[in-house]
Full PDB file with SEQRES, HELIX, SHEET, SSBOND, CRYST1, ORIGX, SCALE, CONECT and MASTER records, all heavy atoms in Angstrom:
SEQRES   1 A   32  ALA SER TRP VAL ALA ARG ALA PRO ALA ALA ALA GLY HIS          
SEQRES   2 A   32  ALA GLU ALA ALA THR LEU PRO LEU ASN GLY LEU THR ALA          
SEQRES   3 A   32  ARG LEU ALA LEU ASP LEU                                      
HELIX    1 AA1 HIS A   13  ALA A   17  1                                   5    
HELIX    2 AA2 PRO A   20  ASP A   31  1                                  12    
CRYST1    1.000    1.000    1.000  90.00  90.00  90.00 P 1           1          
ORIGX1      1.000000  0.000000  0.000000        0.00000                         
ORIGX2      0.000000  1.000000  0.000000        0.00000                         
ORIGX3      0.000000  0.000000  1.000000        0.00000                         
SCALE1      1.000000  0.000000  0.000000        0.00000                         
SCALE2      0.000000  1.000000  0.000000        0.00000                         
SCALE3      0.000000  0.000000  1.000000        0.00000                         
ATOM      1  N   ALA A   1     -98.389 -44.870  24.192  1.00  0.00           N  
ATOM      2  CA  ALA A   1     -99.061 -43.798  23.447  1.00  0.00           C  
ATOM      3  C   ALA A   1     -98.121 -42.601  23.318  1.00  0.00           C  
ATOM      4  O   ALA A   1     -98.219 -41.879  22.347  1.00  0.00           O  
ATOM      5  CB  ALA A   1    -100.317 -43.470  24.115  1.00  0.00           C  
ATOM      6  N   SER A   2     -97.288 -42.371  24.366  1.00  0.00           N  
ATOM      7  CA  SER A   2     -96.424 -41.273  24.326  1.00  0.00           C  
ATOM      8  C   SER A   2     -95.313 -41.260  23.288  1.00  0.00           C  
ATOM      9  O   SER A   2     -94.611 -40.266  22.991  1.00  0.00           O  
ATOM     10  CB  SER A   2     -95.766 -41.023  25.728  1.00  0.00           C  
ATOM     11  OG  SER A   2     -94.903 -42.152  26.036  1.00  0.00           O  
ATOM     12  N   TRP A   3     -95.129 -42.420  22.671  1.00  0.00           N  
ATOM     13  CA  TRP A   3     -94.133 -42.584  21.602  1.00  0.00           C  
ATOM     14  C   TRP A   3     -94.683 -42.292  20.200  1.00  0.00           C  
ATOM     15  O   TRP A   3     -93.959 -42.358  19.258  1.00  0.00           O  
ATOM     16  CB  TRP A   3     -93.493 -43.993  21.657  1.00  0.00           C  
ATOM     17  CG  TRP A   3     -92.497 -44.177  22.788  1.00  0.00           C  
ATOM     18  CD1 TRP A   3     -92.757 -44.094  24.047  1.00  0.00           C  
ATOM     19  CD2 TRP A   3     -91.133 -44.521  22.622  1.00  0.00           C  
ATOM     20  NE1 TRP A   3     -91.590 -44.362  24.800  1.00  0.00           N  
ATOM     21  CE2 TRP A   3     -90.601 -44.645  23.948  1.00  0.00           C  
ATOM     22  CE3 TRP A   3     -90.314 -44.813  21.527  1.00  0.00           C  
ATOM     23  CZ2 TRP A   3     -89.285 -44.952  24.163  1.00  0.00           C  
ATOM     24  CZ3 TRP A   3     -88.977 -45.148  21.774  1.00  0.00           C  
ATOM     25  CH2 TRP A   3     -88.470 -45.195  23.071  1.00  0.00           C  
ATOM     26  N   VAL A   4     -95.894 -42.018  20.159  1.00  0.00           N  
ATOM     27  CA  VAL A   4     -96.661 -41.920  18.878  1.00  0.00           C  
ATOM     28  C   VAL A   4     -97.178 -40.480  18.650  1.00  0.00           C  
ATOM     29  O   VAL A   4     -97.719 -39.923  19.563  1.00  0.00           O  
ATOM     30  CB  VAL A   4     -97.776 -42.958  18.809  1.00  0.00           C  
ATOM     31  CG1 VAL A   4     -98.501 -42.956  17.436  1.00  0.00           C  
ATOM     32  CG2 VAL A   4     -97.284 -44.344  19.120  1.00  0.00           C  
ATOM     33  N   ALA A   5     -97.129 -40.018  17.405  1.00  0.00           N  
ATOM     34  CA  ALA A   5     -97.605 -38.690  17.084  1.00  0.00           C  
ATOM     35  C   ALA A   5     -98.285 -38.758  15.764  1.00  0.00           C  
ATOM     36  O   ALA A   5     -98.057 -39.650  14.932  1.00  0.00           O  
ATOM     37  CB  ALA A   5     -96.456 -37.657  17.024  1.00  0.00           C  
ATOM     38  N   ARG A   6     -99.179 -37.802  15.568  1.00  0.00           N  
ATOM     39  CA  ARG A   6     -99.877 -37.739  14.202  1.00  0.00           C  
ATOM     40  C   ARG A   6     -98.800 -37.545  13.113  1.00  0.00           C  
ATOM     41  O   ARG A   6     -97.827 -36.799  13.224  1.00  0.00           O  
ATOM     42  CB  ARG A   6    -100.887 -36.655  14.174  1.00  0.00           C  
ATOM     43  CG  ARG A   6    -102.127 -37.035  15.018  1.00  0.00           C  
ATOM     44  CD  ARG A   6    -103.168 -35.958  14.983  1.00  0.00           C  
ATOM     45  NE  ARG A   6    -104.413 -36.389  15.614  1.00  0.00           N  
ATOM     46  CZ  ARG A   6    -104.580 -36.324  16.928  1.00  0.00           C  
ATOM     47  NH1 ARG A   6    -103.667 -35.794  17.695  1.00  0.00           N  
ATOM     48  NH2 ARG A   6    -105.690 -36.770  17.476  1.00  0.00           N  
ATOM     49  N   ALA A   7     -99.063 -38.136  11.932  1.00  0.00           N  
ATOM     50  CA  ALA A   7     -98.198 -37.881  10.801  1.00  0.00           C  
ATOM     51  C   ALA A   7     -98.512 -36.583  10.189  1.00  0.00           C  
ATOM     52  O   ALA A   7     -99.615 -36.009  10.325  1.00  0.00           O  
ATOM     53  CB  ALA A   7     -98.399 -38.998   9.773  1.00  0.00           C  
ATOM     54  N   PRO A   8     -97.485 -35.996   9.449  1.00  0.00           N  
ATOM     55  CA  PRO A   8     -97.801 -34.733   8.728  1.00  0.00           C  
ATOM     56  C   PRO A   8     -98.963 -34.859   7.763  1.00  0.00           C  
ATOM     57  O   PRO A   8     -99.085 -35.809   7.087  1.00  0.00           O  
ATOM     58  CB  PRO A   8     -96.469 -34.452   7.961  1.00  0.00           C  
ATOM     59  CG  PRO A   8     -95.466 -35.263   8.764  1.00  0.00           C  
ATOM     60  CD  PRO A   8     -96.141 -36.467   9.250  1.00  0.00           C  
ATOM     61  N   ALA A   9     -99.772 -33.803   7.847  1.00  0.00           N  
ATOM     62  CA  ALA A   9    -100.949 -33.768   6.883  1.00  0.00           C  
ATOM     63  C   ALA A   9    -100.472 -33.827   5.487  1.00  0.00           C  
ATOM     64  O   ALA A   9     -99.413 -33.257   5.087  1.00  0.00           O  
ATOM     65  CB  ALA A   9    -101.735 -32.537   7.165  1.00  0.00           C  
ATOM     66  N   ALA A  10    -101.170 -34.624   4.652  1.00  0.00           N  
ATOM     67  CA  ALA A  10    -100.908 -34.786   3.245  1.00  0.00           C  
ATOM     68  C   ALA A  10     -99.625 -35.534   2.887  1.00  0.00           C  
ATOM     69  O   ALA A  10     -99.399 -35.793   1.744  1.00  0.00           O  
ATOM     70  CB  ALA A  10    -100.812 -33.387   2.545  1.00  0.00           C  
ATOM     71  N   ALA A  11     -98.909 -35.991   3.903  1.00  0.00           N  
ATOM     72  CA  ALA A  11     -97.725 -36.843   3.645  1.00  0.00           C  
ATOM     73  C   ALA A  11     -98.160 -38.254   3.497  1.00  0.00           C  
ATOM     74  O   ALA A  11     -99.067 -38.771   4.255  1.00  0.00           O  
ATOM     75  CB  ALA A  11     -96.700 -36.681   4.733  1.00  0.00           C  
ATOM     76  N   GLY A  12     -97.630 -39.017   2.564  1.00  0.00           N  
ATOM     77  CA  GLY A  12     -97.830 -40.416   2.494  1.00  0.00           C  
ATOM     78  C   GLY A  12     -97.178 -41.226   3.592  1.00  0.00           C  
ATOM     79  O   GLY A  12     -96.315 -40.617   4.261  1.00  0.00           O  
ATOM     80  N   HIS A  13     -97.561 -42.450   3.756  1.00  0.00           N  
ATOM     81  CA  HIS A  13     -96.965 -43.256   4.795  1.00  0.00           C  
ATOM     82  C   HIS A  13     -95.461 -43.382   4.629  1.00  0.00           C  
ATOM     83  O   HIS A  13     -94.677 -43.310   5.648  1.00  0.00           O  
ATOM     84  CB  HIS A  13     -97.579 -44.642   4.879  1.00  0.00           C  
ATOM     85  CG  HIS A  13     -99.038 -44.685   5.297  1.00  0.00           C  
ATOM     86  ND1 HIS A  13     -99.428 -44.101   6.455  1.00  0.00           N  
ATOM     87  CD2 HIS A  13    -100.129 -45.158   4.629  1.00  0.00           C  
ATOM     88  CE1 HIS A  13    -100.815 -44.252   6.570  1.00  0.00           C  
ATOM     89  NE2 HIS A  13    -101.217 -44.908   5.477  1.00  0.00           N  
ATOM     90  N   ALA A  14     -95.017 -43.510   3.417  1.00  0.00           N  
ATOM     91  CA  ALA A  14     -93.516 -43.705   3.210  1.00  0.00           C  
ATOM     92  C   ALA A  14     -92.797 -42.414   3.587  1.00  0.00           C  
ATOM     93  O   ALA A  14     -91.734 -42.473   4.188  1.00  0.00           O  
ATOM     94  CB  ALA A  14     -93.328 -44.006   1.720  1.00  0.00           C  
ATOM     95  N   GLU A  15     -93.343 -41.307   3.264  1.00  0.00           N  
ATOM     96  CA  GLU A  15     -92.723 -40.011   3.629  1.00  0.00           C  
ATOM     97  C   GLU A  15     -92.679 -39.868   5.151  1.00  0.00           C  
ATOM     98  O   GLU A  15     -91.628 -39.486   5.782  1.00  0.00           O  
ATOM     99  CB  GLU A  15     -93.452 -38.803   2.989  1.00  0.00           C  
ATOM    100  CG  GLU A  15     -93.259 -38.646   1.477  1.00  0.00           C  
ATOM    101  CD  GLU A  15     -94.127 -39.558   0.720  1.00  0.00           C  
ATOM    102  OE1 GLU A  15     -95.059 -40.201   1.200  1.00  0.00           O  
ATOM    103  OE2 GLU A  15     -93.884 -39.703  -0.517  1.00  0.00           O  
ATOM    104  N   ALA A  16     -93.810 -40.104   5.815  1.00  0.00           N  
ATOM    105  CA  ALA A  16     -93.872 -39.959   7.254  1.00  0.00           C  
ATOM    106  C   ALA A  16     -92.866 -40.887   7.958  1.00  0.00           C  
ATOM    107  O   ALA A  16     -92.318 -40.571   9.007  1.00  0.00           O  
ATOM    108  CB  ALA A  16     -95.259 -40.237   7.731  1.00  0.00           C  
ATOM    109  N   ALA A  17     -92.577 -42.077   7.378  1.00  0.00           N  
ATOM    110  CA  ALA A  17     -91.713 -43.052   8.006  1.00  0.00           C  
ATOM    111  C   ALA A  17     -90.249 -42.538   8.002  1.00  0.00           C  
ATOM    112  O   ALA A  17     -89.407 -43.101   8.756  1.00  0.00           O  
ATOM    113  CB  ALA A  17     -91.782 -44.390   7.277  1.00  0.00           C  
ATOM    114  N   THR A  18     -89.930 -41.555   7.150  1.00  0.00           N  
ATOM    115  CA  THR A  18     -88.511 -41.056   7.210  1.00  0.00           C  
ATOM    116  C   THR A  18     -88.285 -40.028   8.226  1.00  0.00           C  
ATOM    117  O   THR A  18     -87.138 -39.636   8.468  1.00  0.00           O  
ATOM    118  CB  THR A  18     -88.230 -40.349   5.833  1.00  0.00           C  
ATOM    119  OG1 THR A  18     -89.030 -39.121   5.694  1.00  0.00           O  
ATOM    120  CG2 THR A  18     -88.574 -41.277   4.635  1.00  0.00           C  
ATOM    121  N   LEU A  19     -89.292 -39.651   9.044  1.00  0.00           N  
ATOM    122  CA  LEU A  19     -89.152 -38.497   9.935  1.00  0.00           C  
ATOM    123  C   LEU A  19     -88.742 -38.808  11.352  1.00  0.00           C  
ATOM    124  O   LEU A  19     -87.918 -38.136  11.911  1.00  0.00           O  
ATOM    125  CB  LEU A  19     -90.465 -37.732   9.922  1.00  0.00           C  
ATOM    126  CG  LEU A  19     -90.500 -36.348  10.467  1.00  0.00           C  
ATOM    127  CD1 LEU A  19     -89.446 -35.428   9.818  1.00  0.00           C  
ATOM    128  CD2 LEU A  19     -91.856 -35.742  10.246  1.00  0.00           C  
ATOM    129  N   PRO A  20     -89.333 -39.883  12.024  1.00  0.00           N  
ATOM    130  CA  PRO A  20     -89.138 -39.914  13.466  1.00  0.00           C  
ATOM    131  C   PRO A  20     -87.702 -40.110  13.923  1.00  0.00           C  
ATOM    132  O   PRO A  20     -87.139 -39.335  14.695  1.00  0.00           O  
ATOM    133  CB  PRO A  20     -89.989 -41.148  13.920  1.00  0.00           C  
ATOM    134  CG  PRO A  20     -91.094 -41.115  12.859  1.00  0.00           C  
ATOM    135  CD  PRO A  20     -90.372 -40.842  11.555  1.00  0.00           C  
ATOM    136  N   LEU A  21     -87.011 -41.214  13.561  1.00  0.00           N  
ATOM    137  CA  LEU A  21     -85.693 -41.518  14.083  1.00  0.00           C  
ATOM    138  C   LEU A  21     -84.723 -40.480  13.734  1.00  0.00           C  
ATOM    139  O   LEU A  21     -83.989 -39.913  14.602  1.00  0.00           O  
ATOM    140  CB  LEU A  21     -85.221 -42.900  13.575  1.00  0.00           C  
ATOM    141  CG  LEU A  21     -83.891 -43.303  14.093  1.00  0.00           C  
ATOM    142  CD1 LEU A  21     -83.889 -43.540  15.612  1.00  0.00           C  
ATOM    143  CD2 LEU A  21     -83.389 -44.593  13.360  1.00  0.00           C  
ATOM    144  N   ASN A  22     -84.585 -40.111  12.390  1.00  0.00           N  
ATOM    145  CA  ASN A  22     -83.594 -39.150  11.996  1.00  0.00           C  
ATOM    146  C   ASN A  22     -83.914 -37.773  12.480  1.00  0.00           C  
ATOM    147  O   ASN A  22     -83.023 -36.976  12.885  1.00  0.00           O  
ATOM    148  CB  ASN A  22     -83.428 -39.207  10.456  1.00  0.00           C  
ATOM    149  CG  ASN A  22     -82.860 -40.573  10.047  1.00  0.00           C  
ATOM    150  OD1 ASN A  22     -81.739 -40.918  10.389  1.00  0.00           O  
ATOM    151  ND2 ASN A  22     -83.656 -41.327   9.341  1.00  0.00           N  
ATOM    152  N   GLY A  23     -85.139 -37.390  12.500  1.00  0.00           N  
ATOM    153  CA  GLY A  23     -85.587 -36.064  12.968  1.00  0.00           C  
ATOM    154  C   GLY A  23     -85.325 -35.909  14.433  1.00  0.00           C  
ATOM    155  O   GLY A  23     -84.825 -34.899  14.907  1.00  0.00           O  
ATOM    156  N   LEU A  24     -85.674 -36.910  15.245  1.00  0.00           N  
ATOM    157  CA  LEU A  24     -85.441 -36.806  16.631  1.00  0.00           C  
ATOM    158  C   LEU A  24     -83.946 -36.861  16.972  1.00  0.00           C  
ATOM    159  O   LEU A  24     -83.521 -36.213  17.924  1.00  0.00           O  
ATOM    160  CB  LEU A  24     -86.077 -38.017  17.438  1.00  0.00           C  
ATOM    161  CG  LEU A  24     -87.628 -37.894  17.486  1.00  0.00           C  
ATOM    162  CD1 LEU A  24     -88.246 -39.174  18.018  1.00  0.00           C  
ATOM    163  CD2 LEU A  24     -88.089 -36.684  18.315  1.00  0.00           C  
ATOM    164  N   THR A  25     -83.159 -37.601  16.221  1.00  0.00           N  
ATOM    165  CA  THR A  25     -81.718 -37.646  16.404  1.00  0.00           C  
ATOM    166  C   THR A  25     -81.132 -36.244  16.147  1.00  0.00           C  
ATOM    167  O   THR A  25     -80.329 -35.732  17.016  1.00  0.00           O  
ATOM    168  CB  THR A  25     -81.047 -38.644  15.457  1.00  0.00           C  
ATOM    169  OG1 THR A  25     -81.601 -39.989  15.734  1.00  0.00           O  
ATOM    170  CG2 THR A  25     -79.554 -38.659  15.569  1.00  0.00           C  
ATOM    171  N   ALA A  26     -81.514 -35.574  15.082  1.00  0.00           N  
ATOM    172  CA  ALA A  26     -81.034 -34.321  14.787  1.00  0.00           C  
ATOM    173  C   ALA A  26     -81.496 -33.274  15.803  1.00  0.00           C  
ATOM    174  O   ALA A  26     -80.725 -32.390  16.286  1.00  0.00           O  
ATOM    175  CB  ALA A  26     -81.460 -33.860  13.386  1.00  0.00           C  
ATOM    176  N   ARG A  27     -82.768 -33.412  16.267  1.00  0.00           N  
ATOM    177  CA  ARG A  27     -83.304 -32.439  17.254  1.00  0.00           C  
ATOM    178  C   ARG A  27     -82.589 -32.538  18.576  1.00  0.00           C  
ATOM    179  O   ARG A  27     -82.251 -31.572  19.220  1.00  0.00           O  
ATOM    180  CB  ARG A  27     -84.810 -32.757  17.450  1.00  0.00           C  
ATOM    181  CG  ARG A  27     -85.508 -31.796  18.347  1.00  0.00           C  
ATOM    182  CD  ARG A  27     -85.615 -30.402  17.830  1.00  0.00           C  
ATOM    183  NE  ARG A  27     -84.540 -29.566  18.273  1.00  0.00           N  
ATOM    184  CZ  ARG A  27     -84.273 -28.359  17.723  1.00  0.00           C  
ATOM    185  NH1 ARG A  27     -84.950 -27.969  16.645  1.00  0.00           N  
ATOM    186  NH2 ARG A  27     -83.288 -27.644  18.158  1.00  0.00           N  
ATOM    187  N   LEU A  28     -82.294 -33.773  18.954  1.00  0.00           N  
ATOM    188  CA  LEU A  28     -81.589 -33.983  20.234  1.00  0.00           C  
ATOM    189  C   LEU A  28     -80.202 -33.401  20.160  1.00  0.00           C  
ATOM    190  O   LEU A  28     -79.750 -32.763  21.155  1.00  0.00           O  
ATOM    191  CB  LEU A  28     -81.529 -35.470  20.539  1.00  0.00           C  
ATOM    192  CG  LEU A  28     -80.770 -35.861  21.819  1.00  0.00           C  
ATOM    193  CD1 LEU A  28     -81.242 -35.149  23.090  1.00  0.00           C  
ATOM    194  CD2 LEU A  28     -80.786 -37.409  22.017  1.00  0.00           C  
ATOM    195  N   ALA A  29     -79.514 -33.633  19.023  1.00  0.00           N  
ATOM    196  CA  ALA A  29     -78.166 -33.032  18.898  1.00  0.00           C  
ATOM    197  C   ALA A  29     -78.185 -31.543  18.990  1.00  0.00           C  
ATOM    198  O   ALA A  29     -77.337 -30.984  19.739  1.00  0.00           O  
ATOM    199  CB  ALA A  29     -77.600 -33.418  17.577  1.00  0.00           C  
ATOM    200  N   LEU A  30     -79.108 -30.895  18.362  1.00  0.00           N  
ATOM    201  CA  LEU A  30     -79.194 -29.410  18.483  1.00  0.00           C  
ATOM    202  C   LEU A  30     -79.574 -28.997  19.822  1.00  0.00           C  
ATOM    203  O   LEU A  30     -79.051 -27.961  20.392  1.00  0.00           O  
ATOM    204  CB  LEU A  30     -80.240 -28.879  17.426  1.00  0.00           C  
ATOM    205  CG  LEU A  30     -79.767 -29.079  15.978  1.00  0.00           C  
ATOM    206  CD1 LEU A  30     -80.854 -28.800  15.023  1.00  0.00           C  
ATOM    207  CD2 LEU A  30     -78.589 -28.184  15.643  1.00  0.00           C  
ATOM    208  N   ASP A  31     -80.439 -29.689  20.497  1.00  0.00           N  
ATOM    209  CA  ASP A  31     -80.843 -29.327  21.878  1.00  0.00           C  
ATOM    210  C   ASP A  31     -79.700 -29.417  22.820  1.00  0.00           C  
ATOM    211  O   ASP A  31     -79.449 -28.623  23.744  1.00  0.00           O  
ATOM    212  CB  ASP A  31     -81.995 -30.152  22.349  1.00  0.00           C  
ATOM    213  CG  ASP A  31     -83.296 -29.803  21.666  1.00  0.00           C  
ATOM    214  OD1 ASP A  31     -83.344 -28.816  20.915  1.00  0.00           O  
ATOM    215  OD2 ASP A  31     -84.272 -30.617  21.785  1.00  0.00           O  
ATOM    216  N   LEU A  32     -78.836 -30.472  22.663  1.00  0.00           N  
ATOM    217  CA  LEU A  32     -77.607 -30.641  23.485  1.00  0.00           C  
ATOM    218  C   LEU A  32     -76.602 -29.580  23.226  1.00  0.00           C  
ATOM    219  O   LEU A  32     -75.970 -29.117  24.245  1.00  0.00           O  
ATOM    220  CB  LEU A  32     -77.039 -32.012  23.188  1.00  0.00           C  
ATOM    221  CG  LEU A  32     -77.835 -33.258  23.714  1.00  0.00           C  
ATOM    222  CD1 LEU A  32     -77.180 -34.547  23.165  1.00  0.00           C  
ATOM    223  CD2 LEU A  32     -77.833 -33.312  25.227  1.00  0.00           C  
TER     224      LEU A  32                                                      
MASTER        0    0    0    2    0    0    0    6  223    1    0    3          
END                                                                             
């Protein structure tokens, strides 16, 4: 359950699917 989050409101499934891997990759890079 800890790997799952709500999708952005009003976003379609296709749009939401573009967010986790690439967004987390970029976020981790900036945090490092």
